[in-house]
Amino acid sequence: MIADGQRIQILLVEDDPDDVLLMSEVLRETRIANDLHIAMDGEEAMDFFYRRGRFPHAPVPDLVFLDLNLPKKDGRQVLTEIKADPSLRRIPVIVLTTSAAEQDVLDAYDEHVNAYVRKPLGFAALLDVFRSIEDFWLGSVLLPPRKPAAT
């Protein structure tokens, strides 16, 4: 649960500009105030976590939405690295992808993903999914306290 008045820091790791735009619009429709940060590939995501490159002042995300199919470093590798790092592993990661392949689902849970969600088609369906995520992850779940970003 996020404290009243506190803005949640969300990192969206997504390479498709249309999906980024759609998810940005959907997140504006949610009830919880959020700051959305975007990483367009897996290397950018890791730079965000470690405050490198163009992200020297990146906040520690409260929640990560991670696509699996990314350029440079794919989402599977990003997930493995996040969950292997003691300073990052407690950050909830939700895979949000078009893949419904059984092996992708199994591999993600083997790497300790917190949830695996298939991207629905269309604004209304995506809004329904995000409202469910919002109700659960931001309304009911106690998230770990924020710690300083890894260096």
C-alpha atoms as a PDB file:
ATOM      1  CA  MET A   1       0.000   0.000   0.000  1.00  0.00           C
ATOM      2  CA  ILE A   2       1.233   3.466  -0.837  1.00  0.00           C
ATOM      3  CA  ALA A   3       0.884   6.154   1.817  1.00  0.00           C
ATOM      4  CA  ASP A   4      -1.725   8.832   1.175  1.00  0.00           C
ATOM      5  CA  GLY A   5      -0.339  11.626  -0.955  1.00  0.00           C
ATOM      6  CA  GLN A   6       2.748   9.679  -1.942  1.00  0.00           C
ATOM      7  CA  ARG A   7       3.381   9.292  -5.671  1.00  0.00           C
ATOM      8  CA  ILE A   8       4.270   5.808  -6.817  1.00  0.00           C
ATOM      9  CA  GLN A   9       7.356   5.488  -8.992  1.00  0.00           C
ATOM     10  CA  ILE A  10       6.670   3.175 -11.941  1.00  0.00           C
ATOM     11  CA  LEU A  11       9.284   1.988 -14.405  1.00  0.00           C
ATOM     12  CA  LEU A  12       7.902   0.811 -17.734  1.00  0.00           C
ATOM     13  CA  VAL A  13      10.417  -1.180 -19.766  1.00  0.00           C
ATOM     14  CA  GLU A  14       8.912  -1.255 -23.242  1.00  0.00           C
ATOM     15  CA  ASP A  15      10.418  -0.785 -26.703  1.00  0.00           C
ATOM     16  CA  ASP A  16       7.237  -0.196 -28.724  1.00  0.00           C
ATOM     17  CA  PRO A  17       6.442   3.563 -28.805  1.00  0.00           C
ATOM     18  CA  ASP A  18       2.753   2.851 -29.466  1.00  0.00           C
ATOM     19  CA  ASP A  19       2.549   0.610 -26.381  1.00  0.00           C
ATOM     20  CA  VAL A  20       4.387   3.236 -24.319  1.00  0.00           C
ATOM     21  CA  LEU A  21       1.862   5.864 -25.403  1.00  0.00           C
ATOM     22  CA  LEU A  22      -1.092   3.574 -24.736  1.00  0.00           C
ATOM     23  CA  MET A  23       0.170   2.556 -21.292  1.00  0.00           C
ATOM     24  CA  SER A  24       0.955   6.180 -20.432  1.00  0.00           C
ATOM     25  CA  GLU A  25      -2.628   7.117 -21.276  1.00  0.00           C
ATOM     26  CA  VAL A  26      -4.004   4.203 -19.273  1.00  0.00           C
ATOM     27  CA  LEU A  27      -1.887   5.134 -16.239  1.00  0.00           C
ATOM     28  CA  ARG A  28      -3.237   8.690 -16.392  1.00  0.00           C
ATOM     29  CA  GLU A  29      -6.715   7.185 -15.989  1.00  0.00           C
ATOM     30  CA  THR A  30      -5.852   5.381 -12.753  1.00  0.00           C
ATOM     31  CA  ARG A  31      -6.731   6.746  -9.330  1.00  0.00           C
ATOM     32  CA  ILE A  32      -3.265   6.591  -7.812  1.00  0.00           C
ATOM     33  CA  ALA A  33      -0.810   9.397  -8.470  1.00  0.00           C
ATOM     34  CA  ASN A  34       2.206   8.015 -10.271  1.00  0.00           C
ATOM     35  CA  ASP A  35       5.407   9.119 -11.902  1.00  0.00           C
ATOM     36  CA  LEU A  36       5.995   7.028 -14.997  1.00  0.00           C
ATOM     37  CA  HIS A  37       9.565   6.454 -16.118  1.00  0.00           C
ATOM     38  CA  ILE A  38      10.374   4.785 -19.437  1.00  0.00           C
ATOM     39  CA  ALA A  39      13.263   2.557 -20.479  1.00  0.00           C
ATOM     40  CA  MET A  40      13.133   1.608 -24.166  1.00  0.00           C
ATOM     41  CA  ASP A  41      15.395  -1.455 -23.955  1.00  0.00           C
ATOM     42  CA  GLY A  42      16.973  -3.781 -21.430  1.00  0.00           C
ATOM     43  CA  GLU A  43      20.245  -1.873 -21.210  1.00  0.00           C
ATOM     44  CA  GLU A  44      18.366   1.364 -20.454  1.00  0.00           C
ATOM     45  CA  ALA A  45      16.422  -0.478 -17.761  1.00  0.00           C
ATOM     46  CA  MET A  46      19.629  -1.541 -16.048  1.00  0.00           C
ATOM     47  CA  ASP A  47      21.021   1.988 -16.406  1.00  0.00           C
ATOM     48  CA  PHE A  48      17.861   3.245 -14.675  1.00  0.00           C
ATOM     49  CA  PHE A  49      18.274   0.805 -11.773  1.00  0.00           C
ATOM     50  CA  TYR A  50      21.949   1.662 -11.337  1.00  0.00           C
ATOM     51  CA  ARG A  51      21.594   5.408 -12.071  1.00  0.00           C
ATOM     52  CA  ARG A  52      23.906   5.354 -15.081  1.00  0.00           C
ATOM     53  CA  GLY A  53      23.919   7.101 -18.441  1.00  0.00           C
ATOM     54  CA  ARG A  54      20.893   9.346 -18.901  1.00  0.00           C
ATOM     55  CA  PHE A  55      19.421   8.297 -15.519  1.00  0.00           C
ATOM     56  CA  PRO A  56      21.805   9.748 -12.895  1.00  0.00           C
ATOM     57  CA  HIS A  57      18.901  10.844 -10.663  1.00  0.00           C
ATOM     58  CA  ALA A  58      16.524   7.942 -11.228  1.00  0.00           C
ATOM     59  CA  PRO A  59      14.300   7.088  -8.270  1.00  0.00           C
ATOM     60  CA  VAL A  60      14.011   3.579  -6.951  1.00  0.00           C
ATOM     61  CA  PRO A  61      10.886   2.225  -8.658  1.00  0.00           C
ATOM     62  CA  ASP A  62       8.025   0.982  -6.519  1.00  0.00           C
ATOM     63  CA  LEU A  63       6.784  -1.197  -9.377  1.00  0.00           C
ATOM     64  CA  VAL A  64       8.234  -2.352 -12.701  1.00  0.00           C
ATOM     65  CA  PHE A  65       6.319  -3.330 -15.827  1.00  0.00           C
ATOM     66  CA  LEU A  66       8.673  -5.376 -17.987  1.00  0.00           C
ATOM     67  CA  ASP A  67       8.236  -6.510 -21.575  1.00  0.00           C
ATOM     68  CA  LEU A  68      10.078  -9.722 -22.424  1.00  0.00           C
ATOM     69  CA  ASN A  69      10.990  -8.983 -26.028  1.00  0.00           C
ATOM     70  CA  LEU A  70      13.386  -6.056 -25.889  1.00  0.00           C
ATOM     71  CA  PRO A  71      16.373  -4.959 -27.973  1.00  0.00           C
ATOM     72  CA  LYS A  72      19.967  -4.937 -26.673  1.00  0.00           C
ATOM     73  CA  LYS A  73      19.176  -6.952 -23.533  1.00  0.00           C
ATOM     74  CA  ASP A  74      15.907  -8.795 -23.443  1.00  0.00           C
ATOM     75  CA  GLY A  75      13.439  -8.745 -20.583  1.00  0.00           C
ATOM     76  CA  ARG A  76      14.377 -12.244 -19.478  1.00  0.00           C
ATOM     77  CA  GLN A  77      17.956 -11.101 -18.866  1.00  0.00           C
ATOM     78  CA  VAL A  78      16.761  -7.947 -17.114  1.00  0.00           C
ATOM     79  CA  LEU A  79      14.514  -9.997 -14.819  1.00  0.00           C
ATOM     80  CA  THR A  80      17.373 -12.369 -13.993  1.00  0.00           C
ATOM     81  CA  GLU A  81      19.678  -9.462 -13.129  1.00  0.00           C
ATOM     82  CA  ILE A  82      17.098  -7.637 -11.021  1.00  0.00           C
ATOM     83  CA  LYS A  83      16.212 -10.692  -8.985  1.00  0.00           C
ATOM     84  CA  ALA A  84      19.880 -11.680  -8.526  1.00  0.00           C
ATOM     85  CA  ASP A  85      20.816  -8.291  -7.037  1.00  0.00           C
ATOM     86  CA  PRO A  86      20.087  -7.990  -3.296  1.00  0.00           C
ATOM     87  CA  SER A  87      19.559  -4.235  -3.658  1.00  0.00           C
ATOM     88  CA  LEU A  88      16.890  -4.704  -6.364  1.00  0.00           C
ATOM     89  CA  ARG A  89      15.249  -8.098  -5.838  1.00  0.00           C
ATOM     90  CA  ARG A  90      12.454  -6.819  -3.593  1.00  0.00           C
ATOM     91  CA  ILE A  91      11.121  -4.436  -6.234  1.00  0.00           C
ATOM     92  CA  PRO A  92       7.922  -5.988  -7.606  1.00  0.00           C
ATOM     93  CA  VAL A  93       8.250  -6.854 -11.291  1.00  0.00           C
ATOM     94  CA  ILE A  94       5.221  -7.531 -13.445  1.00  0.00           C
ATOM     95  CA  VAL A  95       5.929  -9.005 -16.842  1.00  0.00           C
ATOM     96  CA  LEU A  96       3.587  -7.329 -19.307  1.00  0.00           C
ATOM     97  CA  THR A  97       4.013  -8.989 -22.679  1.00  0.00           C
ATOM     98  CA  THR A  98       2.222 -10.371 -25.703  1.00  0.00           C
ATOM     99  CA  SER A  99       3.757 -13.798 -25.175  1.00  0.00           C
ATOM    100  CA  ALA A 100       1.530 -16.528 -23.814  1.00  0.00           C
ATOM    101  CA  ALA A 101       4.171 -19.194 -24.455  1.00  0.00           C
ATOM    102  CA  GLU A 102       4.178 -21.677 -21.607  1.00  0.00           C
ATOM    103  CA  GLN A 103       7.982 -21.683 -21.478  1.00  0.00           C
ATOM    104  CA  ASP A 104       8.087 -17.886 -21.126  1.00  0.00           C
ATOM    105  CA  VAL A 105       5.630 -18.069 -18.227  1.00  0.00           C
ATOM    106  CA  LEU A 106       7.572 -20.864 -16.517  1.00  0.00           C
ATOM    107  CA  ASP A 107      10.925 -19.135 -17.046  1.00  0.00           C
ATOM    108  CA  ALA A 108       9.619 -15.834 -15.667  1.00  0.00           C
ATOM    109  CA  TYR A 109       8.306 -17.472 -12.503  1.00  0.00           C
ATOM    110  CA  ASP A 110      11.538 -19.476 -12.167  1.00  0.00           C
ATOM    111  CA  GLU A 111      13.291 -16.086 -12.107  1.00  0.00           C
ATOM    112  CA  HIS A 112      10.926 -14.883  -9.359  1.00  0.00           C
ATOM    113  CA  VAL A 113       8.711 -12.524 -11.329  1.00  0.00           C
ATOM    114  CA  ASN A 114       5.909 -11.241  -9.136  1.00  0.00           C
ATOM    115  CA  ALA A 115       3.213 -11.520 -11.805  1.00  0.00           C
ATOM    116  CA  TYR A 116       2.931 -12.425 -15.478  1.00  0.00           C
ATOM    117  CA  VAL A 117       0.271 -10.521 -17.423  1.00  0.00           C
ATOM    118  CA  ARG A 118      -0.520 -10.864 -21.083  1.00  0.00           C
ATOM    119  CA  LYS A 119      -1.021  -7.512 -22.823  1.00  0.00           C
ATOM    120  CA  PRO A 120      -4.635  -7.189 -23.880  1.00  0.00           C
ATOM    121  CA  LEU A 121      -5.633  -5.515 -27.121  1.00  0.00           C
ATOM    122  CA  GLY A 122      -7.192  -2.062 -26.989  1.00  0.00           C
ATOM    123  CA  PHE A 123      -7.450   0.791 -24.551  1.00  0.00           C
ATOM    124  CA  ALA A 124     -10.506  -0.438 -22.622  1.00  0.00           C
ATOM    125  CA  ALA A 125      -9.092  -3.921 -22.049  1.00  0.00           C
ATOM    126  CA  LEU A 126      -5.704  -2.531 -21.007  1.00  0.00           C
ATOM    127  CA  LEU A 127      -7.418  -0.080 -18.658  1.00  0.00           C
ATOM    128  CA  ASP A 128      -9.271  -2.996 -17.009  1.00  0.00           C
ATOM    129  CA  VAL A 129      -5.981  -4.856 -16.518  1.00  0.00           C
ATOM    130  CA  PHE A 130      -4.252  -1.808 -15.068  1.00  0.00           C
ATOM    131  CA  ARG A 131      -7.138  -1.096 -12.712  1.00  0.00           C
ATOM    132  CA  SER A 132      -6.873  -4.677 -11.434  1.00  0.00           C
ATOM    133  CA  ILE A 133      -3.131  -4.247 -10.989  1.00  0.00           C
ATOM    134  CA  GLU A 134      -3.724  -0.909  -9.279  1.00  0.00           C
ATOM    135  CA  ASP A 135      -6.309  -2.367  -6.891  1.00  0.00           C
ATOM    136  CA  PHE A 136      -4.071  -5.259  -5.918  1.00  0.00           C
ATOM    137  CA  TRP A 137      -0.495  -3.965  -6.090  1.00  0.00           C
ATOM    138  CA  LEU A 138      -1.152  -0.393  -5.032  1.00  0.00           C
ATOM    139  CA  GLY A 139      -4.270  -0.762  -2.936  1.00  0.00           C
ATOM    140  CA  SER A 140      -3.845  -3.995  -0.995  1.00  0.00           C
ATOM    141  CA  VAL A 141      -0.228  -5.110  -1.108  1.00  0.00           C
ATOM    142  CA  LEU A 142       2.331  -3.764   1.335  1.00  0.00           C
ATOM    143  CA  LEU A 143       5.317  -2.820  -0.808  1.00  0.00           C
ATOM    144  CA  PRO A 144       8.838  -2.912   0.598  1.00  0.00           C
ATOM    145  CA  PRO A 145      10.109   0.434   1.853  1.00  0.00           C
ATOM    146  CA  ARG A 146      12.122   2.503  -0.587  1.00  0.00           C
ATOM    147  CA  LYS A 147      15.866   2.337  -0.176  1.00  0.00           C
ATOM    148  CA  PRO A 148      18.469   4.464  -1.887  1.00  0.00           C
ATOM    149  CA  ALA A 149      19.137   3.504  -5.497  1.00  0.00           C
ATOM    150  CA  ALA A 150      21.918   1.028  -6.184  1.00  0.00           C
ATOM    151  CA  THR A 151      25.209   2.488  -7.294  1.00  0.00           C
END
